[in-house]
Amino acid sequence: MQLLFLSAALLALGLKAPGKTAWPEQKSVTRDSSVLPAILSLPLSSYIGKPVDSLLAKLPVNHTSRGFMSLRIRYLRGIYQVYGTNVDNMVTIEIYIDEFHFLQIPRSANLPPWDMSLARKEKIAYIKIFKNNTTCIYGCDNPNYYY
Protein backbone atom coordinates (compact mmCIF):
# COMPACT_ATOMS: atom_id res chain seq x y z
CA MET A 1 0.00 0.00 0.00
CA GLN A 2 2.85 2.38 0.86
CA LEU A 3 4.53 1.59 -2.48
CA LEU A 4 1.28 2.37 -4.30
CA PHE A 5 0.98 5.71 -2.49
CA LEU A 6 4.65 6.53 -3.17
CA SER A 7 4.21 5.73 -6.89
CA ALA A 8 1.14 7.96 -7.08
CA ALA A 9 2.98 10.75 -5.27
CA LEU A 10 5.96 10.54 -7.63
CA LEU A 11 3.68 10.57 -10.65
CA ALA A 12 1.73 13.53 -9.28
CA LEU A 13 4.99 15.43 -8.92
CA GLY A 14 5.98 14.59 -12.48
CA LEU A 15 8.94 12.43 -11.46
CA LYS A 16 9.80 9.43 -13.59
CA ALA A 17 11.53 6.23 -12.61
CA PRO A 18 15.00 5.77 -14.13
CA GLY A 19 14.92 4.07 -17.51
CA LYS A 20 11.21 4.66 -18.00
CA THR A 21 9.90 6.41 -21.06
CA ALA A 22 8.29 9.81 -20.64
CA TRP A 23 5.62 9.11 -23.27
CA PRO A 24 2.76 9.64 -22.86
CA GLU A 25 3.81 12.81 -21.13
CA GLN A 26 2.70 13.43 -17.59
CA LYS A 27 2.60 17.03 -16.39
CA SER A 28 3.11 18.04 -12.79
CA VAL A 29 0.02 18.81 -10.74
CA THR A 30 -0.69 20.21 -7.31
CA ARG A 31 -1.60 17.88 -4.46
CA ASP A 32 -5.09 16.60 -5.03
CA SER A 33 -7.81 15.31 -2.74
CA SER A 34 -9.62 13.62 -5.62
CA VAL A 35 -9.08 10.21 -7.17
CA LEU A 36 -6.26 11.50 -9.39
CA PRO A 37 -3.39 9.89 -7.40
CA ALA A 38 -5.14 6.50 -7.47
CA ILE A 39 -5.72 6.77 -11.22
CA LEU A 40 -2.14 7.85 -11.94
CA SER A 41 -0.83 4.94 -9.87
CA LEU A 42 -2.27 2.52 -12.46
CA PRO A 43 0.04 1.30 -15.24
CA LEU A 44 -2.05 3.20 -17.81
CA SER A 45 0.15 2.47 -20.83
CA SER A 46 -0.29 -1.26 -20.21
CA TYR A 47 -4.00 -0.95 -21.08
CA ILE A 48 -3.31 0.11 -24.68
CA GLY A 49 -4.60 -2.64 -26.97
CA LYS A 50 -6.75 -4.17 -24.23
CA PRO A 51 -10.55 -3.94 -23.90
CA VAL A 52 -11.94 -0.73 -22.43
CA ASP A 53 -13.52 -2.80 -19.66
CA SER A 54 -10.07 -3.91 -18.42
CA LEU A 55 -9.28 -0.29 -17.52
CA LEU A 56 -12.77 0.60 -16.27
CA ALA A 57 -12.60 -2.36 -13.88
CA LYS A 58 -9.44 -0.93 -12.26
CA LEU A 59 -10.53 2.71 -12.06
CA PRO A 60 -12.15 4.00 -8.87
CA VAL A 61 -15.87 3.15 -8.86
CA ASN A 62 -17.17 6.50 -7.64
CA HIS A 63 -17.33 8.21 -11.05
CA THR A 64 -20.04 10.84 -11.53
CA SER A 65 -20.58 10.33 -15.25
CA ARG A 66 -19.57 8.19 -18.21
CA GLY A 67 -20.42 8.71 -21.84
CA PHE A 68 -19.40 8.71 -25.48
CA MET A 69 -17.01 11.25 -27.02
CA SER A 70 -18.63 12.08 -30.33
CA LEU A 71 -16.45 13.20 -33.20
CA ARG A 72 -19.28 14.32 -35.45
CA ILE A 73 -22.77 13.07 -36.22
CA ARG A 74 -22.79 9.24 -36.25
CA TYR A 75 -19.04 9.00 -35.49
CA LEU A 76 -17.32 8.27 -32.22
CA ARG A 77 -13.76 8.73 -30.94
CA GLY A 78 -14.11 6.92 -27.61
CA ILE A 79 -15.62 7.19 -24.16
CA TYR A 80 -15.02 9.40 -21.13
CA GLN A 81 -15.40 8.94 -17.41
CA VAL A 82 -15.62 11.87 -14.97
CA TYR A 83 -14.95 12.03 -11.23
CA GLY A 84 -16.24 14.96 -9.20
CA THR A 85 -18.88 17.60 -9.68
CA ASN A 86 -16.85 20.65 -8.71
CA VAL A 87 -14.76 22.11 -11.54
CA ASP A 88 -11.94 22.79 -9.04
CA ASN A 89 -11.57 19.12 -8.11
CA MET A 90 -12.63 17.18 -11.22
CA VAL A 91 -10.82 14.44 -13.12
CA THR A 92 -11.77 13.32 -16.63
CA ILE A 93 -10.39 10.22 -18.32
CA GLU A 94 -10.70 10.05 -22.10
CA ILE A 95 -10.36 6.56 -23.59
CA TYR A 96 -9.78 6.65 -27.35
CA ILE A 97 -10.79 3.83 -29.69
CA ASP A 98 -9.31 3.73 -33.20
CA GLU A 99 -10.87 0.56 -34.62
CA PHE A 100 -14.44 -0.40 -33.84
CA HIS A 101 -15.41 -4.08 -33.86
CA PHE A 102 -18.51 -4.09 -31.67
CA LEU A 103 -20.09 -0.65 -32.14
CA GLN A 104 -21.33 0.25 -35.60
CA ILE A 105 -19.45 3.32 -36.82
CA PRO A 106 -20.84 5.33 -38.50
CA ARG A 107 -24.15 4.70 -36.80
CA SER A 108 -27.06 4.91 -39.18
CA ALA A 109 -29.95 7.15 -38.19
CA ASN A 110 -32.40 4.28 -37.81
CA LEU A 111 -30.33 2.38 -35.21
CA PRO A 112 -30.74 2.83 -31.45
CA PRO A 113 -28.10 4.88 -29.58
CA TRP A 114 -24.66 3.35 -29.00
CA ASP A 115 -24.52 0.69 -26.32
CA MET A 116 -21.95 1.17 -23.51
CA SER A 117 -21.76 -2.58 -22.92
CA LEU A 118 -20.48 -2.96 -26.50
CA ALA A 119 -18.08 -0.03 -26.11
CA ARG A 120 -16.53 -1.75 -23.09
CA LYS A 121 -15.42 -4.58 -25.43
CA GLU A 122 -13.57 -2.26 -27.86
CA LYS A 123 -9.77 -2.03 -27.64
CA ILE A 124 -8.09 1.04 -26.15
CA ALA A 125 -5.92 3.03 -28.55
CA TYR A 126 -4.91 5.90 -26.28
CA ILE A 127 -5.65 7.40 -22.86
CA LYS A 128 -5.73 11.04 -21.76
CA ILE A 129 -6.40 12.43 -18.28
CA PHE A 130 -7.52 15.97 -17.51
CA LYS A 131 -7.79 17.76 -14.19
CA ASN A 132 -10.46 20.43 -13.74
CA ASN A 133 -11.56 20.10 -17.39
CA THR A 134 -8.63 22.10 -18.73
CA THR A 135 -5.27 20.85 -17.47
CA CYS A 136 -4.00 17.79 -19.29
CA ILE A 137 -2.14 15.53 -16.86
CA TYR A 138 -1.46 12.36 -18.84
CA GLY A 139 -1.21 11.59 -22.56
CA CYS A 140 -1.02 15.27 -23.43
CA ASP A 141 1.35 15.59 -26.37
CA ASN A 142 0.28 13.03 -28.93
CA PRO A 143 -0.83 14.93 -32.07
CA ASN A 144 -2.91 11.95 -33.22
CA TYR A 145 -5.38 12.53 -30.38
CA TYR A 146 -6.16 16.24 -30.60
CA TYR A 147 -9.78 16.72 -31.60
C-alpha atoms as a PDB file:
ATOM      1  CA  MET A   1       0.000   0.000   0.000  1.00  0.00           C
ATOM      2  CA  GLN A   2       2.846   2.380   0.857  1.00  0.00           C
ATOM      3  CA  LEU A   3       4.529   1.591  -2.480  1.00  0.00           C
ATOM      4  CA  LEU A   4       1.284   2.367  -4.300  1.00  0.00           C
ATOM      5  CA  PHE A   5       0.984   5.707  -2.491  1.00  0.00           C
ATOM      6  CA  LEU A   6       4.647   6.527  -3.172  1.00  0.00           C
ATOM      7  CA  SER A   7       4.213   5.732  -6.887  1.00  0.00           C
ATOM      8  CA  ALA A   8       1.142   7.956  -7.076  1.00  0.00           C
ATOM      9  CA  ALA A   9       2.979  10.747  -5.272  1.00  0.00           C
ATOM     10  CA  LEU A  10       5.965  10.536  -7.633  1.00  0.00           C
ATOM     11  CA  LEU A  11       3.679  10.572 -10.652  1.00  0.00           C
ATOM     12  CA  ALA A  12       1.729  13.533  -9.281  1.00  0.00           C
ATOM     13  CA  LEU A  13       4.989  15.428  -8.915  1.00  0.00           C
ATOM     14  CA  GLY A  14       5.981  14.588 -12.475  1.00  0.00           C
ATOM     15  CA  LEU A  15       8.944  12.429 -11.458  1.00  0.00           C
ATOM     16  CA  LYS A  16       9.798   9.427 -13.585  1.00  0.00           C
ATOM     17  CA  ALA A  17      11.530   6.233 -12.612  1.00  0.00           C
ATOM     18  CA  PRO A  18      14.995   5.766 -14.133  1.00  0.00           C
ATOM     19  CA  GLY A  19      14.919   4.068 -17.512  1.00  0.00           C
ATOM     20  CA  LYS A  20      11.205   4.664 -17.996  1.00  0.00           C
ATOM     21  CA  THR A  21       9.898   6.412 -21.064  1.00  0.00           C
ATOM     22  CA  ALA A  22       8.292   9.811 -20.638  1.00  0.00           C
ATOM     23  CA  TRP A  23       5.623   9.107 -23.269  1.00  0.00           C
ATOM     24  CA  PRO A  24       2.757   9.637 -22.859  1.00  0.00           C
ATOM     25  CA  GLU A  25       3.815  12.812 -21.132  1.00  0.00           C
ATOM     26  CA  GLN A  26       2.704  13.432 -17.595  1.00  0.00           C
ATOM     27  CA  LYS A  27       2.596  17.027 -16.387  1.00  0.00           C
ATOM     28  CA  SER A  28       3.108  18.045 -12.792  1.00  0.00           C
ATOM     29  CA  VAL A  29       0.021  18.807 -10.738  1.00  0.00           C
ATOM     30  CA  THR A  30      -0.691  20.209  -7.307  1.00  0.00           C
ATOM     31  CA  ARG A  31      -1.602  17.876  -4.458  1.00  0.00           C
ATOM     32  CA  ASP A  32      -5.094  16.600  -5.034  1.00  0.00           C
ATOM     33  CA  SER A  33      -7.812  15.308  -2.736  1.00  0.00           C
ATOM     34  CA  SER A  34      -9.623  13.616  -5.616  1.00  0.00           C
ATOM     35  CA  VAL A  35      -9.080  10.214  -7.166  1.00  0.00           C
ATOM     36  CA  LEU A  36      -6.264  11.500  -9.391  1.00  0.00           C
ATOM     37  CA  PRO A  37      -3.393   9.888  -7.396  1.00  0.00           C
ATOM     38  CA  ALA A  38      -5.141   6.503  -7.474  1.00  0.00           C
ATOM     39  CA  ILE A  39      -5.723   6.775 -11.220  1.00  0.00           C
ATOM     40  CA  LEU A  40      -2.145   7.851 -11.940  1.00  0.00           C
ATOM     41  CA  SER A  41      -0.829   4.943  -9.873  1.00  0.00           C
ATOM     42  CA  LEU A  42      -2.270   2.523 -12.457  1.00  0.00           C
ATOM     43  CA  PRO A  43       0.040   1.299 -15.243  1.00  0.00           C
ATOM     44  CA  LEU A  44      -2.048   3.197 -17.811  1.00  0.00           C
ATOM     45  CA  SER A  45       0.147   2.465 -20.830  1.00  0.00           C
ATOM     46  CA  SER A  46      -0.289  -1.263 -20.209  1.00  0.00           C
ATOM     47  CA  TYR A  47      -3.997  -0.950 -21.085  1.00  0.00           C
ATOM     48  CA  ILE A  48      -3.311   0.115 -24.683  1.00  0.00           C
ATOM     49  CA  GLY A  49      -4.604  -2.640 -26.970  1.00  0.00           C
ATOM     50  CA  LYS A  50      -6.752  -4.168 -24.227  1.00  0.00           C
ATOM     51  CA  PRO A  51     -10.548  -3.944 -23.902  1.00  0.00           C
ATOM     52  CA  VAL A  52     -11.937  -0.726 -22.429  1.00  0.00           C
ATOM     53  CA  ASP A  53     -13.516  -2.804 -19.661  1.00  0.00           C
ATOM     54  CA  SER A  54     -10.073  -3.914 -18.420  1.00  0.00           C
ATOM     55  CA  LEU A  55      -9.284  -0.290 -17.521  1.00  0.00           C
ATOM     56  CA  LEU A  56     -12.774   0.596 -16.273  1.00  0.00           C
ATOM     57  CA  ALA A  57     -12.597  -2.362 -13.877  1.00  0.00           C
ATOM     58  CA  LYS A  58      -9.439  -0.928 -12.257  1.00  0.00           C
ATOM     59  CA  LEU A  59     -10.525   2.709 -12.056  1.00  0.00           C
ATOM     60  CA  PRO A  60     -12.152   3.996  -8.865  1.00  0.00           C
ATOM     61  CA  VAL A  61     -15.867   3.151  -8.857  1.00  0.00           C
ATOM     62  CA  ASN A  62     -17.170   6.504  -7.639  1.00  0.00           C
ATOM     63  CA  HIS A  63     -17.335   8.210 -11.052  1.00  0.00           C
ATOM     64  CA  THR A  64     -20.039  10.839 -11.527  1.00  0.00           C
ATOM     65  CA  SER A  65     -20.577  10.332 -15.251  1.00  0.00           C
ATOM     66  CA  ARG A  66     -19.574   8.194 -18.214  1.00  0.00           C
ATOM     67  CA  GLY A  67     -20.423   8.715 -21.843  1.00  0.00           C
ATOM     68  CA  PHE A  68     -19.405   8.711 -25.483  1.00  0.00           C
ATOM     69  CA  MET A  69     -17.013  11.245 -27.017  1.00  0.00           C
ATOM     70  CA  SER A  70     -18.627  12.083 -30.333  1.00  0.00           C
ATOM     71  CA  LEU A  71     -16.452  13.203 -33.198  1.00  0.00           C
ATOM     72  CA  ARG A  72     -19.277  14.323 -35.454  1.00  0.00           C
ATOM     73  CA  ILE A  73     -22.768  13.071 -36.216  1.00  0.00           C
ATOM     74  CA  ARG A  74     -22.792   9.242 -36.252  1.00  0.00           C
ATOM     75  CA  TYR A  75     -19.037   9.003 -35.487  1.00  0.00           C
ATOM     76  CA  LEU A  76     -17.319   8.265 -32.219  1.00  0.00           C
ATOM     77  CA  ARG A  77     -13.760   8.729 -30.937  1.00  0.00           C
ATOM     78  CA  GLY A  78     -14.109   6.918 -27.611  1.00  0.00           C
ATOM     79  CA  ILE A  79     -15.616   7.190 -24.161  1.00  0.00           C
ATOM     80  CA  TYR A  80     -15.018   9.397 -21.131  1.00  0.00           C
ATOM     81  CA  GLN A  81     -15.401   8.941 -17.407  1.00  0.00           C
ATOM     82  CA  VAL A  82     -15.620  11.870 -14.971  1.00  0.00           C
ATOM     83  CA  TYR A  83     -14.951  12.028 -11.230  1.00  0.00           C
ATOM     84  CA  GLY A  84     -16.241  14.961  -9.201  1.00  0.00           C
ATOM     85  CA  THR A  85     -18.880  17.595  -9.680  1.00  0.00           C
ATOM     86  CA  ASN A  86     -16.849  20.650  -8.706  1.00  0.00           C
ATOM     87  CA  VAL A  87     -14.757  22.110 -11.540  1.00  0.00           C
ATOM     88  CA  ASP A  88     -11.943  22.795  -9.038  1.00  0.00           C
ATOM     89  CA  ASN A  89     -11.574  19.121  -8.114  1.00  0.00           C
ATOM     90  CA  MET A  90     -12.631  17.183 -11.224  1.00  0.00           C
ATOM     91  CA  VAL A  91     -10.815  14.435 -13.115  1.00  0.00           C
ATOM     92  CA  THR A  92     -11.773  13.322 -16.628  1.00  0.00           C
ATOM     93  CA  ILE A  93     -10.394  10.220 -18.320  1.00  0.00           C
ATOM     94  CA  GLU A  94     -10.697  10.045 -22.098  1.00  0.00           C
ATOM     95  CA  ILE A  95     -10.358   6.557 -23.594  1.00  0.00           C
ATOM     96  CA  TYR A  96      -9.783   6.647 -27.346  1.00  0.00           C
ATOM     97  CA  ILE A  97     -10.790   3.832 -29.689  1.00  0.00           C
ATOM     98  CA  ASP A  98      -9.313   3.726 -33.198  1.00  0.00           C
ATOM     99  CA  GLU A  99     -10.874   0.559 -34.625  1.00  0.00           C
ATOM    100  CA  PHE A 100     -14.444  -0.397 -33.844  1.00  0.00           C
ATOM    101  CA  HIS A 101     -15.405  -4.079 -33.856  1.00  0.00           C
ATOM    102  CA  PHE A 102     -18.514  -4.090 -31.667  1.00  0.00           C
ATOM    103  CA  LEU A 103     -20.088  -0.649 -32.141  1.00  0.00           C
ATOM    104  CA  GLN A 104     -21.334   0.247 -35.603  1.00  0.00           C
ATOM    105  CA  ILE A 105     -19.445   3.324 -36.817  1.00  0.00           C
ATOM    106  CA  PRO A 106     -20.841   5.326 -38.496  1.00  0.00           C
ATOM    107  CA  ARG A 107     -24.154   4.698 -36.803  1.00  0.00           C
ATOM    108  CA  SER A 108     -27.062   4.913 -39.183  1.00  0.00           C
ATOM    109  CA  ALA A 109     -29.947   7.151 -38.187  1.00  0.00           C
ATOM    110  CA  ASN A 110     -32.400   4.277 -37.811  1.00  0.00           C
ATOM    111  CA  LEU A 111     -30.333   2.378 -35.205  1.00  0.00           C
ATOM    112  CA  PRO A 112     -30.742   2.832 -31.448  1.00  0.00           C
ATOM    113  CA  PRO A 113     -28.098   4.875 -29.583  1.00  0.00           C
ATOM    114  CA  TRP A 114     -24.663   3.347 -29.003  1.00  0.00           C
ATOM    115  CA  ASP A 115     -24.517   0.688 -26.317  1.00  0.00           C
ATOM    116  CA  MET A 116     -21.946   1.174 -23.515  1.00  0.00           C
ATOM    117  CA  SER A 117     -21.755  -2.584 -22.919  1.00  0.00           C
ATOM    118  CA  LEU A 118     -20.482  -2.964 -26.500  1.00  0.00           C
ATOM    119  CA  ALA A 119     -18.081  -0.030 -26.111  1.00  0.00           C
ATOM    120  CA  ARG A 120     -16.534  -1.753 -23.092  1.00  0.00           C
ATOM    121  CA  LYS A 121     -15.417  -4.580 -25.431  1.00  0.00           C
ATOM    122  CA  GLU A 122     -13.571  -2.258 -27.858  1.00  0.00           C
ATOM    123  CA  LYS A 123      -9.771  -2.034 -27.636  1.00  0.00           C
ATOM    124  CA  ILE A 124      -8.089   1.038 -26.154  1.00  0.00           C
ATOM    125  CA  ALA A 125      -5.922   3.031 -28.551  1.00  0.00           C
ATOM    126  CA  TYR A 126      -4.908   5.904 -26.275  1.00  0.00           C
ATOM    127  CA  ILE A 127      -5.645   7.405 -22.856  1.00  0.00           C
ATOM    128  CA  LYS A 128      -5.731  11.039 -21.757  1.00  0.00           C
ATOM    129  CA  ILE A 129      -6.397  12.428 -18.284  1.00  0.00           C
ATOM    130  CA  PHE A 130      -7.517  15.975 -17.511  1.00  0.00           C
ATOM    131  CA  LYS A 131      -7.787  17.763 -14.191  1.00  0.00           C
ATOM    132  CA  ASN A 132     -10.460  20.435 -13.740  1.00  0.00           C
ATOM    133  CA  ASN A 133     -11.559  20.097 -17.393  1.00  0.00           C
ATOM    134  CA  THR A 134      -8.626  22.099 -18.729  1.00  0.00           C
ATOM    135  CA  THR A 135      -5.265  20.851 -17.465  1.00  0.00           C
ATOM    136  CA  CYS A 136      -3.996  17.790 -19.286  1.00  0.00           C
ATOM    137  CA  ILE A 137      -2.141  15.527 -16.861  1.00  0.00           C
ATOM    138  CA  TYR A 138      -1.455  12.356 -18.838  1.00  0.00           C
ATOM    139  CA  GLY A 139      -1.213  11.590 -22.565  1.00  0.00           C
ATOM    140  CA  CYS A 140      -1.016  15.268 -23.431  1.00  0.00           C
ATOM    141  CA  ASP A 141       1.348  15.595 -26.365  1.00  0.00           C
ATOM    142  CA  ASN A 142       0.278  13.025 -28.933  1.00  0.00           C
ATOM    143  CA  PRO A 143      -0.834  14.930 -32.067  1.00  0.00           C
ATOM    144  CA  ASN A 144      -2.906  11.952 -33.223  1.00  0.00           C
ATOM    145  CA  TYR A 145      -5.378  12.531 -30.378  1.00  0.00           C
ATOM    146  CA  TYR A 146      -6.164  16.236 -30.597  1.00  0.00           C
ATOM    147  CA  TYR A 147      -9.781  16.717 -31.602  1.00  0.00           C
END
